[in-house]
Protein backbone atom coordinates (compact mmCIF):
# COMPACT_ATOMS: atom_id res chain seq x y z
CA MET A 1 134.84 153.71 78.68
CA SER A 2 135.25 151.62 81.78
CA ASN A 3 137.59 148.77 82.43
CA THR A 4 135.77 145.66 83.56
CA LEU A 5 137.77 142.82 85.22
CA GLU A 6 136.18 139.53 84.34
CA ALA A 7 137.03 136.52 86.50
CA THR A 8 138.28 133.53 84.52
CA ALA A 9 138.12 130.06 86.12
CA THR A 10 141.38 128.12 86.10
CA PRO A 11 140.79 124.71 84.43
CA VAL A 12 141.43 121.69 86.63
CA PRO A 13 143.81 119.20 85.00
CA ASP A 14 142.68 115.59 84.56
CA TYR A 15 145.50 114.48 86.81
CA VAL A 16 148.28 115.92 88.96
CA TRP A 17 151.65 114.30 89.56
CA ASP A 18 153.65 114.88 92.75
CA ASP A 19 157.14 113.62 92.10
CA ALA A 20 158.26 114.10 95.69
CA THR A 21 155.68 111.70 97.13
CA LYS A 22 155.25 109.64 93.93
CA THR A 23 151.53 110.31 94.18
CA LEU A 24 149.14 110.61 91.25
CA THR A 25 145.84 112.42 91.78
CA ILE A 26 143.05 111.78 89.27
CA ASN A 27 140.54 114.65 89.11
CA ALA A 28 138.22 113.63 86.26
CA ASN A 29 137.11 110.79 84.04
CA THR A 30 139.90 110.29 81.56
CA LYS A 31 141.08 107.83 78.96
CA THR A 32 144.67 108.56 79.86
CA THR A 33 146.64 105.42 80.59
CA PHE A 34 149.88 105.13 82.51
CA LYS A 35 150.65 101.74 81.04
CA GLY A 36 154.28 101.44 80.05
CA ARG A 37 155.31 104.82 81.47
CA THR A 38 158.97 104.72 82.45
CA ASP A 39 159.39 108.41 83.30
CA ILE A 40 157.41 108.19 86.54
CA ILE A 41 157.20 105.60 89.33
CA ILE A 42 153.73 105.64 90.87
CA ARG A 43 153.41 104.51 94.49
CA GLU A 44 150.04 106.01 95.38
CA VAL A 45 146.90 106.92 93.42
CA ILE A 46 144.16 109.18 94.77
CA ILE A 47 140.98 109.27 92.70
CA LYS A 48 138.91 112.34 93.56
CA ASP A 49 135.14 112.70 94.00
CA GLY A 50 133.28 113.02 90.73
CA VAL A 51 135.23 110.34 88.93
CA THR A 52 132.83 107.54 87.93
CA THR A 53 135.02 105.44 85.64
CA ILE A 54 138.57 104.15 85.67
CA GLY A 55 139.50 103.47 82.07
CA ALA A 56 140.84 100.28 80.53
CA GLU A 57 144.51 99.57 81.29
CA ALA A 58 144.74 102.86 83.23
CA PHE A 59 147.45 101.59 85.59
CA TYR A 60 148.48 98.40 83.81
CA GLY A 61 151.92 97.25 84.96
CA CYS A 62 152.46 99.93 87.60
CA ARG A 63 154.48 97.51 89.70
CA SER A 64 155.36 100.03 92.46
CA LEU A 65 151.74 101.05 93.08
CA ALA A 66 150.96 100.19 96.71
CA SER A 67 147.89 102.27 97.57
CA VAL A 68 144.71 103.38 95.77
CA THR A 69 141.96 105.60 97.19
CA PHE A 70 138.62 105.24 95.38
CA PRO A 71 135.78 107.83 95.42
CA ASP A 72 132.27 106.97 96.60
CA ALA A 73 130.75 107.77 93.19
CA LEU A 74 132.92 105.31 91.25
CA GLN A 75 130.74 102.96 89.18
CA THR A 76 133.11 101.08 86.87
CA ILE A 77 136.67 99.80 86.92
CA GLY A 78 137.66 99.13 83.33
CA GLU A 79 139.31 96.10 81.78
CA ARG A 80 142.84 95.38 83.01
CA ALA A 81 142.88 98.70 84.89
CA PHE A 82 145.27 97.47 87.61
CA GLU A 83 146.70 94.39 85.91
CA GLU A 84 150.17 93.37 87.15
CA CYS A 85 150.22 95.97 89.93
CA SER A 86 152.33 93.55 91.90
CA SER A 87 152.90 95.80 94.98
CA LEU A 88 149.21 96.48 95.62
CA ALA A 89 148.36 94.79 98.94
CA SER A 90 144.79 95.88 99.71
CA VAL A 91 141.84 97.63 98.10
CA ALA A 92 138.60 98.95 99.60
CA LEU A 93 136.02 99.37 96.86
CA PRO A 94 133.16 101.88 97.30
CA ASP A 95 129.47 101.08 97.62
CA GLY A 96 128.69 102.80 94.33
CA LEU A 97 130.85 100.44 92.29
CA GLN A 98 128.70 98.17 90.12
CA THR A 99 131.16 96.50 87.75
CA ILE A 100 134.71 95.23 88.02
CA GLY A 101 135.90 94.78 84.47
CA ARG A 102 137.67 91.89 82.80
CA GLY A 103 141.16 91.34 84.22
CA ALA A 104 140.91 94.46 86.39
CA PHE A 105 143.28 93.15 89.08
CA TYR A 106 144.85 90.35 87.04
CA GLY A 107 148.17 89.16 88.47
CA CYS A 108 148.21 91.45 91.53
CA SER A 109 150.38 88.92 93.33
CA SER A 110 150.70 90.88 96.63
CA LEU A 111 146.97 91.57 96.98
CA VAL A 112 145.94 90.11 100.33
CA SER A 113 142.66 91.87 101.05
CA VAL A 114 139.71 93.12 98.97
CA THR A 115 136.67 94.80 100.48
CA PHE A 116 133.71 94.89 98.12
CA GLY A 117 131.06 97.62 98.22
CA ASP A 118 127.40 96.83 98.66
CA GLY A 119 126.42 97.93 95.14
CA LEU A 120 128.61 95.46 93.25
CA GLN A 121 126.67 93.36 90.73
CA THR A 122 129.29 91.88 88.40
CA ILE A 123 132.85 90.63 88.75
CA GLY A 124 134.22 90.28 85.24
CA ASP A 125 136.20 87.43 83.72
CA ALA A 126 139.70 86.97 85.18
CA ALA A 127 139.18 90.02 87.41
CA PHE A 128 141.43 88.62 90.17
CA PHE A 129 143.25 85.99 88.11
CA LYS A 130 146.40 84.71 89.87
CA CYS A 131 146.09 87.03 92.87
CA SER A 132 148.12 84.42 94.68
CA SER A 133 148.22 86.18 98.09
CA LEU A 134 144.47 86.81 98.39
CA ALA A 135 143.33 85.07 101.58
CA SER A 136 139.58 85.62 101.83
CA VAL A 137 136.64 87.24 100.05
CA ALA A 138 133.14 88.11 101.25
CA PHE A 139 130.86 89.10 98.40
CA PRO A 140 128.11 91.72 98.79
CA VAL A 141 124.42 90.80 98.84
CA GLY A 142 123.70 92.28 95.41
CA LEU A 143 126.34 90.32 93.47
CA GLN A 144 124.74 88.27 90.69
CA THR A 145 127.63 87.09 88.52
CA ILE A 146 131.17 85.87 89.10
CA GLY A 147 132.84 85.71 85.72
CA SER A 148 134.96 82.98 84.18
CA TYR A 149 138.49 82.64 85.61
CA ALA A 150 137.64 85.42 88.10
CA PHE A 151 139.74 83.95 90.94
CA TRP A 152 141.77 81.43 88.94
CA GLY A 153 144.95 80.36 90.71
CA CYS A 154 144.31 82.28 93.94
CA ARG A 155 146.19 79.60 95.81
CA SER A 156 146.04 81.34 99.24
CA LEU A 157 142.27 81.82 99.12
CA ALA A 158 140.97 79.90 102.14
CA SER A 159 137.55 81.46 102.71
CA VAL A 160 134.76 82.51 100.34
CA THR A 161 131.36 83.83 101.43
CA PHE A 162 128.77 83.83 98.67
CA PRO A 163 125.69 86.09 98.64
CA VAL A 164 122.22 84.58 98.67
CA GLY A 165 121.28 86.06 95.28
CA LEU A 166 124.27 84.82 93.28
CA GLN A 167 123.03 83.21 90.07
CA THR A 168 126.15 82.30 88.11
CA ILE A 169 129.63 81.03 88.91
CA GLY A 170 131.54 81.12 85.66
CA GLU A 171 133.91 78.67 84.04
CA SER A 172 137.12 78.07 86.05
CA ALA A 173 136.10 80.85 88.45
CA PHE A 174 137.96 79.29 91.40
CA TYR A 175 140.24 76.90 89.52
CA GLY A 176 143.35 75.96 91.49
CA CYS A 177 142.35 77.67 94.74
CA SER A 178 144.30 75.04 96.60
CA SER A 179 143.74 76.45 100.13
CA LEU A 180 139.93 76.53 99.88
CA ALA A 181 138.62 73.95 102.35
CA SER A 182 134.87 74.47 102.48
CA VAL A 183 132.19 75.95 100.22
CA VAL A 184 128.53 76.70 100.96
CA LEU A 185 126.87 77.62 97.70
CA PRO A 186 124.01 80.17 97.71
CA ASP A 187 120.33 79.34 97.49
CA ALA A 188 119.67 81.02 94.12
CA LEU A 189 122.50 79.28 92.27
CA GLN A 190 121.28 77.08 89.40
CA THR A 191 124.49 76.46 87.44
CA ILE A 192 128.09 75.75 88.38
CA GLY A 193 130.29 76.44 85.36
CA ASN A 194 132.86 74.14 83.81
CA SER A 195 135.98 73.71 85.97
CA ALA A 196 134.58 76.21 88.50
CA PHE A 197 136.34 74.55 91.47
CA SER A 198 138.71 72.26 89.59
CA GLU A 199 142.02 71.42 91.32
CA CYS A 200 140.92 72.86 94.68
CA SER A 201 142.98 70.19 96.38
CA SER A 202 142.06 71.12 99.98
CA LEU A 203 138.30 71.28 99.35
CA ALA A 204 136.78 68.77 101.76
CA SER A 205 133.17 69.93 101.97
CA VAL A 206 130.64 71.35 99.48
CA THR A 207 127.05 72.25 100.34
CA PHE A 208 124.86 72.42 97.24
CA PRO A 209 121.73 74.63 97.11
CA ASP A 210 118.27 73.16 96.55
CA ALA A 211 117.83 75.08 93.27
CA LEU A 212 120.95 73.68 91.59
CA GLN A 213 120.18 72.08 88.21
CA THR A 214 123.54 71.75 86.45
CA ILE A 215 127.09 70.93 87.51
CA GLY A 216 129.39 71.70 84.60
CA GLY A 217 132.16 69.57 83.18
CA TRP A 218 135.32 69.30 85.29
CA ALA A 219 133.56 71.43 87.96
CA PHE A 220 135.26 69.65 90.88
CA GLU A 221 137.90 67.66 88.98
CA GLY A 222 141.00 66.96 91.06
CA CYS A 223 139.44 67.99 94.39
CA SER A 224 141.46 65.30 96.12
CA SER A 225 140.25 66.05 99.68
CA LEU A 226 136.52 65.90 98.91
CA VAL A 227 135.03 63.07 100.98
CA SER A 228 131.30 63.08 100.29
CA VAL A 229 128.67 64.83 98.18
CA ALA A 230 124.89 64.90 98.51
CA PHE A 231 123.19 66.35 95.47
CA PRO A 232 119.92 68.34 95.69
CA ASP A 233 116.63 67.06 94.33
CA ALA A 234 116.55 69.62 91.50
CA LEU A 235 119.82 68.44 89.94
CA GLN A 236 119.41 67.18 86.39
CA THR A 237 122.93 67.07 84.93
CA ILE A 238 126.40 66.18 86.16
CA GLY A 239 128.81 67.19 83.42
CA GLY A 240 131.68 65.23 81.97
CA HIS A 241 134.72 64.76 84.25
CA ALA A 242 132.88 66.74 86.97
CA PHE A 243 134.43 64.77 89.85
CA GLU A 244 137.25 63.01 88.04
CA GLY A 245 140.26 62.33 90.24
CA CYS A 246 138.47 63.05 93.54
CA ILE A 247 140.51 60.29 95.14
CA SER A 248 139.04 60.68 98.66
CA LEU A 249 135.40 60.70 97.56
CA ALA A 250 133.78 57.80 99.42
CA SER A 251 130.08 58.67 99.40
CA VAL A 252 127.75 60.04 96.71
CA THR A 253 123.99 60.54 97.09
CA PHE A 254 122.10 61.02 93.83
CA PRO A 255 118.59 62.52 93.49
CA ASP A 256 115.91 60.66 91.55
CA THR A 257 115.58 63.65 89.21
CA LEU A 258 119.09 63.18 87.80
CA GLU A 259 118.96 62.53 84.05
CA THR A 260 122.61 62.58 82.99
CA ILE A 261 125.93 61.45 84.44
CA GLY A 262 128.48 62.73 81.95
CA ASN A 263 131.59 61.19 80.42
CA SER A 264 134.18 60.22 83.05
CA ALA A 265 132.17 62.09 85.69
CA PHE A 266 133.59 59.99 88.53
CA GLU A 267 136.63 58.50 86.82
CA GLY A 268 139.45 57.66 89.20
CA CYS A 269 137.39 58.13 92.39
CA ARG A 270 139.32 55.30 93.98
CA SER A 271 137.69 55.56 97.46
CA LEU A 272 134.13 55.17 96.17
CA ALA A 273 132.93 51.76 97.39
CA THR A 274 129.21 51.69 96.68
CA VAL A 275 126.88 53.48 94.27
CA THR A 276 123.10 53.50 94.08
CA LEU A 277 122.09 55.12 90.82
CA PRO A 278 118.91 57.24 90.73
CA ALA A 279 115.53 55.95 89.63
CA GLY A 280 115.21 58.22 86.57
CA LEU A 281 118.63 57.58 85.04
CA THR A 282 118.55 56.11 81.53
CA THR A 283 122.19 56.32 80.40
CA ILE A 284 125.59 55.88 82.02
CA GLU A 285 127.98 57.67 79.69
CA TYR A 286 131.51 56.92 78.52
CA GLY A 287 133.93 56.14 81.36
CA ALA A 288 131.56 57.48 84.04
CA PHE A 289 133.02 55.27 86.80
CA LYS A 290 136.24 54.24 85.07
CA LYS A 291 139.10 53.19 87.39
CA CYS A 292 137.00 53.39 90.58
CA SER A 293 139.19 50.68 92.08
CA SER A 294 137.29 50.33 95.39
CA LEU A 295 133.84 50.15 93.83
CA ALA A 296 132.40 46.85 95.03
CA SER A 297 128.68 47.37 94.58
CA VAL A 298 126.49 49.14 92.01
CA THR A 299 122.69 49.23 92.09
CA PHE A 300 121.19 50.01 88.70
CA PRO A 301 117.74 51.60 88.30
CA GLU A 302 114.92 49.85 86.45
CA THR A 303 114.90 52.74 83.92
CA LEU A 304 118.48 52.18 82.72
CA THR A 305 118.67 51.51 78.98
CA SER A 306 122.33 52.04 78.07
CA ILE A 307 125.81 51.64 79.56
CA ASP A 308 128.37 53.35 77.33
CA ASN A 309 131.93 52.35 76.44
CA TYR A 310 134.42 52.03 79.31
CA ALA A 311 131.73 52.99 81.87
CA PHE A 312 133.13 50.67 84.58
CA PHE A 313 136.54 49.94 83.06
CA TRP A 314 139.08 48.70 85.63
CA CYS A 315 136.68 48.68 88.59
CA SER A 316 138.83 45.98 90.09
CA SER A 317 136.77 45.42 93.28
CA LEU A 318 133.39 44.98 91.60
CA ALA A 319 132.17 41.48 92.49
CA SER A 320 128.76 41.12 90.88
CA VAL A 321 126.23 43.07 88.83
CA THR A 322 122.55 42.55 88.09
CA PHE A 323 121.09 44.49 85.18
CA PRO A 324 117.46 45.59 84.81
CA ASP A 325 115.21 44.27 82.05
CA ALA A 326 115.12 47.73 80.40
CA LEU A 327 118.85 47.64 79.64
CA HIS A 328 119.39 47.03 75.93
CA THR A 329 123.00 48.15 75.31
CA ILE A 330 126.35 47.55 77.01
CA GLY A 331 129.22 49.34 75.30
CA TYR A 332 132.76 48.46 74.26
CA ARG A 333 134.96 47.42 77.21
CA ALA A 334 132.29 48.63 79.62
CA PHE A 335 133.48 46.21 82.35
CA PHE A 336 136.94 45.42 81.01
CA TRP A 337 139.55 44.45 83.63
CA CYS A 338 137.02 44.10 86.45
CA PHE A 339 139.26 41.43 87.94
CA SER A 340 136.99 40.52 90.88
CA LEU A 341 133.80 40.25 88.87
CA ALA A 342 132.41 36.74 89.38
CA SER A 343 128.73 37.05 88.51
CA VAL A 344 126.79 39.01 85.89
CA ALA A 345 123.02 38.66 85.51
CA PHE A 346 121.40 40.12 82.39
CA GLY A 347 117.79 41.23 82.11
CA ASP A 348 115.52 40.07 79.31
CA GLY A 349 115.80 43.29 77.25
CA LEU A 350 119.51 43.14 76.44
CA GLN A 351 120.13 43.36 72.69
CA ASP A 352 123.62 44.66 72.05
CA ILE A 353 126.87 43.90 73.88
CA GLY A 354 130.04 45.66 72.71
CA GLU A 355 133.33 43.91 72.01
CA SER A 356 135.37 42.97 75.09
CA ALA A 357 132.62 44.30 77.34
CA PHE A 358 133.71 41.74 79.96
CA GLY A 359 137.25 41.13 78.69
CA GLY A 360 139.95 40.64 81.29
CA CYS A 361 137.44 39.34 83.86
CA PRO A 362 138.97 35.92 84.57
CA TYR A 363 136.38 34.67 87.07
CA VAL A 364 133.14 35.95 85.64
CA ILE A 365 130.18 33.75 84.76
CA ILE A 366 127.39 35.43 82.80
CA PHE A 367 123.78 34.44 83.47
CA CYS A 368 121.41 35.36 80.66
CA ARG A 369 118.52 34.21 78.52
CA PRO A 370 119.23 31.47 75.95
CA GLY A 371 120.56 32.57 72.58
CA LEU A 372 122.24 35.86 73.58
CA THR A 373 125.56 36.44 71.80
CA ILE A 374 128.38 37.96 73.84
CA PRO A 375 131.33 39.06 71.68
CA ASP A 376 134.86 37.99 72.67
CA PHE A 377 133.61 35.93 75.58
CA PRO A 378 134.04 32.15 76.10
CA GLU A 379 130.80 30.34 75.34
CA GLU A 380 131.38 27.83 78.13
CA ARG A 381 131.12 30.66 80.69
CA VAL A 382 127.65 31.75 79.58
CA VAL A 383 124.92 30.16 81.68
CA ASN A 384 121.16 29.88 81.23
CA ARG A 385 119.85 32.06 84.05
CA THR A 386 116.69 30.04 84.80
CA VAL A 387 118.53 26.73 84.94
CA HIS A 388 121.23 28.09 87.17
CA VAL A 389 118.76 29.33 89.78
CA ALA A 390 117.13 25.89 90.00
CA LEU A 391 120.38 23.93 90.16
CA THR A 392 121.94 26.24 92.73
CA ALA A 393 118.89 25.95 94.98
CA PHE A 394 119.06 22.17 94.72
CA LEU A 395 122.76 21.88 95.53
CA ASP A 396 122.63 24.47 98.28
CA ALA A 397 119.86 22.59 100.04
CA ALA A 398 121.61 19.25 99.63
CA LEU A 399 125.05 20.32 100.75
CA SER A 400 124.00 22.51 103.69
CA ALA A 401 122.18 19.83 105.62
CA ARG A 402 125.00 19.08 108.05
CA ARG A 403 126.73 22.45 108.27
CA PRO A 404 125.80 26.08 107.45
CA GLU A 405 127.99 25.95 104.37
CA GLY A 406 128.25 23.57 101.46
CA LEU A 407 130.64 22.76 98.67
CA MET A 408 129.46 25.76 96.63
CA ARG A 409 130.27 28.14 99.48
CA TYR A 410 133.58 26.39 100.04
CA ALA A 411 134.42 26.94 96.42
CA MET A 412 133.53 30.63 96.56
CA ARG A 413 135.74 31.12 99.62
CA ASN A 414 138.63 29.60 97.73
CA ARG A 415 138.08 31.71 94.58
CA LEU A 416 136.68 28.72 92.70
CA GLY A 417 133.23 30.25 92.48
CA GLY A 418 133.27 30.92 88.75
CA ARG A 419 134.40 27.35 87.98
CA MET A 420 131.84 25.77 90.31
CA SER A 421 128.98 27.88 89.00
CA LEU A 422 129.95 26.79 85.53
CA LEU A 423 129.94 23.12 86.49
CA VAL A 424 126.53 23.45 88.11
CA ALA A 425 124.92 24.56 84.88
CA ARG A 426 127.15 23.01 82.22
CA ALA A 427 124.77 20.16 81.38
CA SER A 428 121.76 22.45 81.22
CA ILE A 429 122.75 25.56 79.25
CA ASP A 430 120.38 24.84 76.41
CA THR A 431 117.36 23.81 78.44
CA ASN A 432 114.71 25.88 80.16
CA ARG A 433 114.39 23.59 83.17
CA PRO A 434 116.75 21.06 84.77
CA THR A 435 115.83 17.39 84.42
CA LEU A 436 116.91 14.59 86.77
CA ALA A 437 119.61 13.73 84.26
CA ASP A 438 120.81 17.31 84.32
CA LEU A 439 121.02 17.27 88.12
CA ARG A 440 122.90 13.95 88.16
CA GLN A 441 125.35 15.26 85.57
CA ALA A 442 125.90 18.49 87.51
CA ILE A 443 126.64 16.52 90.67
CA ALA A 444 128.98 14.22 88.79
CA ASP A 445 130.83 17.20 87.32
CA ILE A 446 131.27 18.83 90.71
CA GLU A 447 132.38 15.51 92.28
CA HIS A 448 134.95 15.06 89.54
CA GLU A 449 136.26 18.58 90.00
CA ALA A 450 136.39 18.20 93.78
CA THR A 451 138.35 14.96 93.44
CA ARG A 452 140.73 16.52 90.93
CA ARG A 453 141.36 19.42 93.27
CA LYS A 454 141.69 17.04 96.24
CA ILE A 455 138.72 18.53 98.06
CA LYS A 456 137.91 15.88 100.67
CA GLY A 457 135.91 15.45 103.84
CA TRP A 458 132.32 16.02 104.87
CA ALA A 459 131.29 18.18 101.88
CA LEU A 460 132.21 15.58 99.27
CA ALA A 461 130.73 12.78 101.36
CA LYS A 462 127.47 14.67 101.67
CA LEU A 463 127.39 15.23 97.95
CA ARG A 464 127.62 11.46 97.29
CA ASP A 465 124.60 10.89 99.55
CA VAL A 466 122.31 13.29 97.67
CA ASP A 467 119.02 11.77 96.51
CA VAL A 468 118.27 13.66 93.32
CA HIS A 469 114.67 12.42 93.25
CA GLU A 470 113.96 14.46 96.39
CA TYR A 471 114.83 17.66 94.50
CA GLY A 472 113.60 16.72 91.05
CA GLY A 473 110.65 19.08 91.33
CA LEU A 474 112.99 22.07 91.11
């Protein structure tokens, strides 16, 4: 009988703890978590070759952890793996890593630098949520998805470089990144999620890709430094509240392909002075340009059929509007408190006007077809459009003979324009064409008003010399 010595391999433990250096070495894939451990204080983690997965909540709340070494073969960092590791200042992720799980580095408030590997495809929801010291990120070429809330509240984040192939930026992905000043979005991007860049208060410039089709609700809400936006031709939808509160936004260029401007999309954009709406637009939704206090001019497309409630509420600089014939509905308080509005011209297709649509507009005169009912609006300030054009042409010609301005222009300069326009057409509201009697009555009305207001001089004298027969053909 012979004695045979058989070699027995010593098993390698899943992890080794060195109390002297406060270093934890991970040797194998393990579901072990160090969350809530009070018996050890981990300052360094070394993850050895062969480990492909870091489990969920593996180092959750390890607040003294300052350094992590990742292996090249690592493929996945699990959900909340390093959440609240508040001493972690930098991480260099390997090229083999494909997925960063949900909340993986959530609340790592000291994290200044992250280097992403080339193989990364997905950054999960809230992966770097409230990493308030993170200064810049450059994403790898293969990244396709940035999850919802991924960089929410990263208030020090000043620079972001997106890869060409990125397809999705999730909801609130960069919400509250108040140091971010400029964004160039990648060519493949088709959708910007809801609130994706909301409250990025330093964001002054955004370059949109040609392929972009949808801007989600609240996407750039509260971006108070944003000065101008030029949308690409492929854009179809601007979501509700998308640019609400962008108080510096002075210029917007819309593509003709745009189909929808959502509720309150540009509400409170108080620097926006002029808007030319795109040719294909059919509806302006609830509050779309509400409280745009500098908005003085709006050009409506011929395709427009509906203006919803409060669409231009409190646009206090808006002076005049001309609606297309296709427009059939103006909603409740659509132009309420447009204090400077003096002239409104309706098209022939208008059928329904909401209550108080033009309430609180003290100077406005509405020019429309005979018989149209306008709720909560004084009947004496509704003028037959055809008659008004003829009478105005007559008086303008008569009163401008001696000087380049006549009584009508004088009245407009002195904020009497609404009253004078009313007097011009008062005698002719119910007729399709002014008669000589109508013209004489209009002149008499204006002369009476001028005398009452003590308007004297050449303009009134010229008015008294008018030969109405000369202009009767109008």
